[in-house]
Amino acid sequence: MTRRTSDQANPHDGPQELIDFGQELIPATQKQQRVNDVFRSVASSYDIMNDVMSLGIHRLWKDSLINLISPQSNHRLIDLAGGTGDIAARFLSRGGGDAVICDVNPAMMRAGMDRPLMRPYQDHLQWVAGDASKLPFPDASADVITISFGLRNVTDRDAALAEAHRVLKPSGRFFCLEFSQVRKRSLSAIYALWSELLPGIGAIVAKDAASYRYLVESIKRFPNQETLAAMMGAAGFARVRHRDLSGGIAAIHCGWKEST
C-alpha cells in the first residue's frame, strides 16, 4: 500500500497521509467514502460484471477457495467484504455450519439479500455492517475468515489483517482470494490488454466506466504474492502460503492462527 505525506492541505491540520485510490493518491481519510461510492454505483450489476471481468473464471477461483477451506458443520465463517454473498453461499452449500457476511457497504449487502441464491441459507446466515479494519466481533469468535476481492479496497490493509487474526479462534484459518501478479510474460500481455477494455465494457453493462476503471487500477496497485504473504506474517499468521490461480491472475493466500 503506497503511503506518503503531504503538507499541501491546511497547515493547521498538519501533514496528511496519502493512499492509493486506483492510480490516484488521495488523503487516507477519503478512501473509504470513495470506495463506498464505487460499490454503491455498481451494486446492482456487480455479479454480472464479475462474470464479464473474469470471463466467468471467478466462479472456479471461488470453488478452489472453498475446496481449500473444506467446510465443516461446526465451522463458523466470517466473510469480510462479503458483498452479495458468493463465498458464504458456497461455504454453507458445502456443509459449513454458520456464516456471517460482513461488508462496509449496505448497498452491496442489500443486493445480496435480494438474490434467490441466498434464500435457502437464511437460518444459518447473518448480514453485519462493518469495516474490515475495525471488526464488530469479539476475540476468537470465528473458525474461518475469508476476504475475496476485497482487501485491495480496504484503506488500512495491515489493520484488517490484524483484526482478522484477533477474531479468529486459535487454530483458525484466514484466506484471502485476490487478484495478484501474473507470472507468465505472454499471459501478462494478454491480461493487460483485456484490463484496458474493461472500463468500456463497464460503461455498456453497468453504465459506469469510472468505477470499473478504478477496479482495474486497484488491481495494478495491489501487493504481489510475496509482499502480501509477508504482510500476513507481520500480522501474526503462521504457516502462510499462497496458491496462484490462472497463472497468477489471482491467488489464494492462507494463514493459521497458532494455538496458545
Protein backbone atom coordinates (compact mmCIF):
# COMPACT_ATOMS: atom_id res chain seq x y z
CA MET A 1 0.00 0.00 0.00
CA THR A 2 1.55 3.30 -1.08
CA ARG A 3 1.60 5.92 1.61
CA ARG A 4 3.16 9.36 1.63
CA THR A 5 2.64 12.57 3.47
CA SER A 6 1.78 15.96 2.10
CA ASP A 7 1.74 19.45 3.50
CA GLN A 8 -0.47 20.82 0.73
CA ALA A 9 -3.54 20.83 2.99
CA ASN A 10 -4.39 23.39 5.61
CA PRO A 11 -1.15 23.92 7.58
CA HIS A 12 -3.10 24.00 10.82
CA ASP A 13 -4.18 20.39 10.16
CA GLY A 14 -0.61 19.11 9.79
CA PRO A 15 0.58 16.75 7.05
CA GLN A 16 -1.99 14.35 5.64
CA GLU A 17 -1.34 10.69 4.89
CA LEU A 18 -1.88 9.82 1.24
CA ILE A 19 -3.02 6.44 -0.01
CA ASP A 20 -3.69 4.80 -3.35
CA PHE A 21 -7.13 5.02 -4.91
CA GLY A 22 -6.51 3.37 -8.24
CA GLN A 23 -3.77 5.44 -9.84
CA GLU A 24 -4.56 8.47 -7.69
CA LEU A 25 -3.05 9.37 -4.35
CA ILE A 26 -5.72 10.78 -2.06
CA PRO A 27 -5.93 11.59 1.68
CA ALA A 28 -6.41 8.33 3.57
CA THR A 29 -9.45 9.81 5.30
CA GLN A 30 -11.24 9.99 1.93
CA LYS A 31 -10.61 6.49 0.60
CA GLN A 32 -13.40 4.64 2.38
CA GLN A 33 -16.02 7.07 1.13
CA ARG A 34 -14.65 6.91 -2.40
CA VAL A 35 -14.70 3.09 -2.32
CA ASN A 36 -18.22 3.15 -0.89
CA ASP A 37 -19.32 5.35 -3.78
CA VAL A 38 -17.85 2.90 -6.30
CA PHE A 39 -19.62 -0.12 -4.87
CA ARG A 40 -22.88 1.73 -4.31
CA SER A 41 -22.78 2.57 -8.01
CA VAL A 42 -22.09 -0.98 -9.21
CA ALA A 43 -24.04 -2.99 -6.61
CA SER A 44 -26.97 -3.91 -8.85
CA SER A 45 -24.71 -5.14 -11.67
CA TYR A 46 -21.80 -6.41 -9.59
CA ASP A 47 -22.43 -10.13 -10.08
CA ILE A 48 -22.91 -9.75 -13.83
CA MET A 49 -19.74 -7.70 -14.13
CA ASN A 50 -17.78 -10.30 -12.15
CA ASP A 51 -18.62 -12.75 -14.90
CA VAL A 52 -17.68 -10.25 -17.58
CA MET A 53 -14.42 -9.12 -15.96
CA SER A 54 -13.16 -12.67 -15.37
CA LEU A 55 -14.93 -14.40 -18.28
CA GLY A 56 -16.70 -16.44 -15.63
CA ILE A 57 -13.46 -17.83 -14.21
CA HIS A 58 -14.06 -16.16 -10.83
CA ARG A 59 -16.54 -18.97 -10.15
CA LEU A 60 -13.76 -21.56 -10.48
CA TRP A 61 -11.46 -19.46 -8.29
CA LYS A 62 -14.13 -19.29 -5.58
CA ASP A 63 -14.71 -23.02 -5.84
CA SER A 64 -10.96 -23.52 -5.35
CA LEU A 65 -11.13 -21.38 -2.22
CA ILE A 66 -13.97 -23.46 -0.78
CA ASN A 67 -12.08 -26.66 -1.59
CA LEU A 68 -9.15 -25.38 0.45
CA ILE A 69 -11.42 -24.41 3.35
CA SER A 70 -13.17 -27.79 3.38
CA PRO A 71 -16.19 -26.52 5.38
CA GLN A 72 -17.30 -28.48 8.44
CA SER A 73 -20.68 -28.45 10.17
CA ASN A 74 -19.15 -26.96 13.33
CA HIS A 75 -17.36 -24.15 11.49
CA ARG A 76 -18.40 -20.52 11.76
CA LEU A 77 -17.30 -18.38 8.82
CA ILE A 78 -16.95 -14.62 8.76
CA ASP A 79 -16.63 -13.40 5.17
CA LEU A 80 -15.17 -9.89 5.10
CA ALA A 81 -16.19 -7.56 2.27
CA GLY A 82 -18.71 -10.34 1.68
CA GLY A 83 -20.88 -8.19 -0.56
CA THR A 84 -23.54 -10.17 -2.34
CA GLY A 85 -22.77 -13.46 -0.61
CA ASP A 86 -20.95 -15.69 -3.13
CA ILE A 87 -18.46 -17.11 -0.63
CA ALA A 88 -20.95 -17.54 2.22
CA ALA A 89 -23.40 -19.37 -0.05
CA ARG A 90 -20.68 -21.74 -1.25
CA PHE A 91 -19.49 -22.33 2.31
CA LEU A 92 -22.98 -23.22 3.54
CA SER A 93 -23.84 -25.33 0.48
CA ARG A 94 -20.72 -27.41 1.14
CA GLY A 95 -21.72 -28.21 4.73
CA GLY A 96 -20.43 -25.24 6.74
CA GLY A 97 -22.25 -24.51 9.98
CA ASP A 98 -22.96 -20.77 10.07
CA ALA A 99 -21.80 -17.78 8.06
CA VAL A 100 -21.60 -14.05 8.66
CA ILE A 101 -21.35 -11.67 5.72
CA CYS A 102 -19.60 -8.51 6.88
CA ASP A 103 -19.42 -5.56 4.50
CA VAL A 104 -18.97 -1.84 4.98
CA ASN A 105 -21.36 -1.08 2.12
CA PRO A 106 -25.08 -1.62 2.83
CA ALA A 107 -25.97 -1.36 -0.89
CA MET A 108 -23.88 -4.42 -1.67
CA MET A 109 -25.49 -6.41 1.14
CA ARG A 110 -28.99 -5.37 0.07
CA ALA A 111 -28.20 -6.62 -3.42
CA GLY A 112 -27.09 -9.91 -1.87
CA MET A 113 -30.20 -10.24 0.29
CA ASP A 114 -32.34 -9.97 -2.83
CA ARG A 115 -30.58 -12.87 -4.57
CA PRO A 116 -32.66 -16.07 -4.76
CA LEU A 117 -29.37 -17.93 -4.31
CA MET A 118 -29.21 -16.82 -0.66
CA ARG A 119 -32.75 -17.76 0.43
CA PRO A 120 -32.09 -21.42 1.32
CA TYR A 121 -29.41 -20.37 3.83
CA GLN A 122 -31.17 -17.63 5.80
CA ASP A 123 -31.40 -19.71 9.00
CA HIS A 124 -27.62 -20.03 9.06
CA LEU A 125 -26.67 -16.61 7.72
CA GLN A 126 -26.16 -13.15 9.21
CA TRP A 127 -25.54 -9.82 7.48
CA VAL A 128 -23.44 -7.38 9.50
CA ALA A 129 -22.35 -3.89 8.51
CA GLY A 130 -18.71 -3.45 9.45
CA ASP A 131 -15.30 -2.15 8.44
CA ALA A 132 -12.67 -4.86 7.90
CA SER A 133 -10.10 -2.75 9.72
CA LYS A 134 -12.35 -2.34 12.81
CA LEU A 135 -14.38 -5.51 13.05
CA PRO A 136 -17.52 -5.56 15.24
CA PHE A 137 -16.81 -9.09 16.51
CA PRO A 138 -15.31 -10.38 19.78
CA ASP A 139 -11.93 -12.03 20.03
CA ALA A 140 -11.68 -15.68 18.98
CA SER A 141 -15.20 -15.88 17.53
CA ALA A 142 -14.66 -17.44 14.07
CA ASP A 143 -13.22 -20.70 12.81
CA VAL A 144 -12.62 -19.37 9.30
CA ILE A 145 -12.29 -15.82 8.00
CA THR A 146 -12.27 -15.04 4.30
CA ILE A 147 -11.94 -11.94 2.18
CA SER A 148 -12.40 -12.26 -1.58
CA PHE A 149 -11.55 -9.45 -3.98
CA GLY A 150 -11.96 -7.01 -1.11
CA LEU A 151 -8.62 -6.46 0.62
CA ARG A 152 -7.36 -4.13 -2.11
CA ASN A 153 -10.30 -1.79 -1.33
CA VAL A 154 -9.54 -1.56 2.41
CA THR A 155 -7.88 1.68 3.48
CA ASP A 156 -5.64 0.10 6.14
CA ARG A 157 -4.81 -3.41 4.98
CA ASP A 158 -2.39 -4.07 7.84
CA ALA A 159 -5.14 -3.25 10.35
CA ALA A 160 -7.58 -5.54 8.50
CA LEU A 161 -5.14 -8.45 8.67
CA ALA A 162 -4.53 -7.81 12.37
CA GLU A 163 -8.28 -7.71 13.00
CA ALA A 164 -8.80 -10.99 11.17
CA HIS A 165 -6.10 -12.55 13.36
CA ARG A 166 -7.77 -11.18 16.52
CA VAL A 167 -11.23 -12.51 15.63
CA LEU A 168 -10.05 -16.00 14.66
CA LYS A 169 -10.12 -18.78 17.21
CA PRO A 170 -6.79 -20.46 17.98
CA SER A 171 -6.06 -22.87 15.10
CA GLY A 172 -8.49 -20.90 12.93
CA ARG A 173 -7.61 -20.08 9.33
CA PHE A 174 -7.64 -16.90 7.27
CA PHE A 175 -8.00 -16.98 3.48
CA CYS A 176 -7.57 -14.11 1.05
CA LEU A 177 -8.64 -14.56 -2.58
CA GLU A 178 -7.47 -11.60 -4.61
CA PHE A 179 -6.18 -10.53 -8.00
CA SER A 180 -2.41 -10.78 -8.00
CA GLN A 181 0.76 -10.67 -10.07
CA VAL A 182 0.65 -12.53 -13.40
CA ARG A 183 3.75 -14.75 -13.65
CA LYS A 184 3.97 -15.51 -17.37
CA ARG A 185 5.01 -12.71 -19.72
CA SER A 186 2.80 -13.90 -22.60
CA LEU A 187 -0.26 -14.12 -20.34
CA SER A 188 0.61 -10.78 -18.75
CA ALA A 189 0.41 -9.02 -22.13
CA ILE A 190 -2.99 -10.53 -22.92
CA TYR A 191 -4.28 -9.72 -19.43
CA ALA A 192 -3.07 -6.12 -19.69
CA LEU A 193 -4.93 -5.69 -22.98
CA TRP A 194 -8.12 -7.17 -21.51
CA SER A 195 -7.82 -4.85 -18.50
CA GLU A 196 -7.72 -1.83 -20.79
CA LEU A 197 -11.04 -2.90 -22.31
CA LEU A 198 -12.90 -3.35 -19.02
CA PRO A 199 -13.89 0.29 -18.35
CA GLY A 200 -15.57 0.41 -21.75
CA ILE A 201 -17.37 -2.85 -21.04
CA GLY A 202 -18.41 -1.42 -17.66
CA ALA A 203 -19.86 1.59 -19.46
CA ILE A 204 -22.05 -0.73 -21.55
CA VAL A 205 -23.08 -3.30 -18.94
CA ALA A 206 -23.18 -1.19 -15.76
CA LYS A 207 -23.42 2.32 -17.28
CA ASP A 208 -20.36 3.19 -15.20
CA ALA A 209 -16.92 3.28 -16.80
CA ALA A 210 -15.27 5.24 -13.97
CA SER A 211 -15.96 2.65 -11.27
CA TYR A 212 -14.54 -0.15 -13.37
CA ARG A 213 -11.53 1.98 -14.25
CA TYR A 214 -10.88 2.25 -10.51
CA LEU A 215 -11.28 -1.52 -10.06
CA VAL A 216 -8.72 -2.21 -12.80
CA GLU A 217 -6.30 0.34 -11.37
CA SER A 218 -6.71 -1.03 -7.85
CA ILE A 219 -5.63 -4.45 -9.10
CA LYS A 220 -2.46 -2.98 -10.59
CA ARG A 221 -1.56 -1.30 -7.29
CA PHE A 222 -2.20 -4.30 -5.05
CA PRO A 223 0.83 -6.03 -3.45
CA ASN A 224 2.22 -9.11 -5.19
CA GLN A 225 2.06 -12.60 -3.76
CA GLU A 226 5.26 -12.43 -1.72
CA THR A 227 4.51 -8.99 -0.30
CA LEU A 228 1.03 -9.99 0.84
CA ALA A 229 2.42 -13.16 2.43
CA ALA A 230 4.91 -11.03 4.37
CA MET A 231 2.11 -8.69 5.49
CA MET A 232 0.16 -11.67 6.81
CA GLY A 233 3.20 -12.92 8.69
CA ALA A 234 3.66 -9.48 10.25
CA ALA A 235 0.01 -9.59 11.40
CA GLY A 236 0.73 -12.77 13.35
CA PHE A 237 -0.33 -15.51 10.95
CA ALA A 238 1.70 -18.71 10.87
CA ARG A 239 2.30 -21.21 8.06
CA VAL A 240 1.44 -18.55 5.47
CA ARG A 241 1.32 -19.90 1.95
CA HIS A 242 -0.26 -18.96 -1.36
CA ARG A 243 -1.55 -20.70 -4.45
CA ASP A 244 -1.56 -19.00 -7.85
CA LEU A 245 -4.70 -19.30 -9.95
CA SER A 246 -4.79 -18.91 -13.73
CA GLY A 247 -1.11 -18.14 -13.95
CA GLY A 248 -1.19 -15.62 -11.12
CA ILE A 249 -4.10 -13.51 -12.35
CA ALA A 250 -5.48 -14.32 -8.92
CA ALA A 251 -4.06 -16.01 -5.84
CA ILE A 252 -5.31 -17.56 -2.63
CA HIS A 253 -3.30 -16.77 0.50
CA CYS A 254 -3.83 -18.82 3.66
CA GLY A 255 -2.55 -18.35 7.20
CA TRP A 256 -3.21 -20.00 10.55
CA LYS A 257 -3.69 -18.53 14.00
CA GLU A 258 -1.47 -20.60 16.22
CA SER A 259 -2.86 -22.26 19.34
CA THR A 260 -1.85 -20.61 22.59
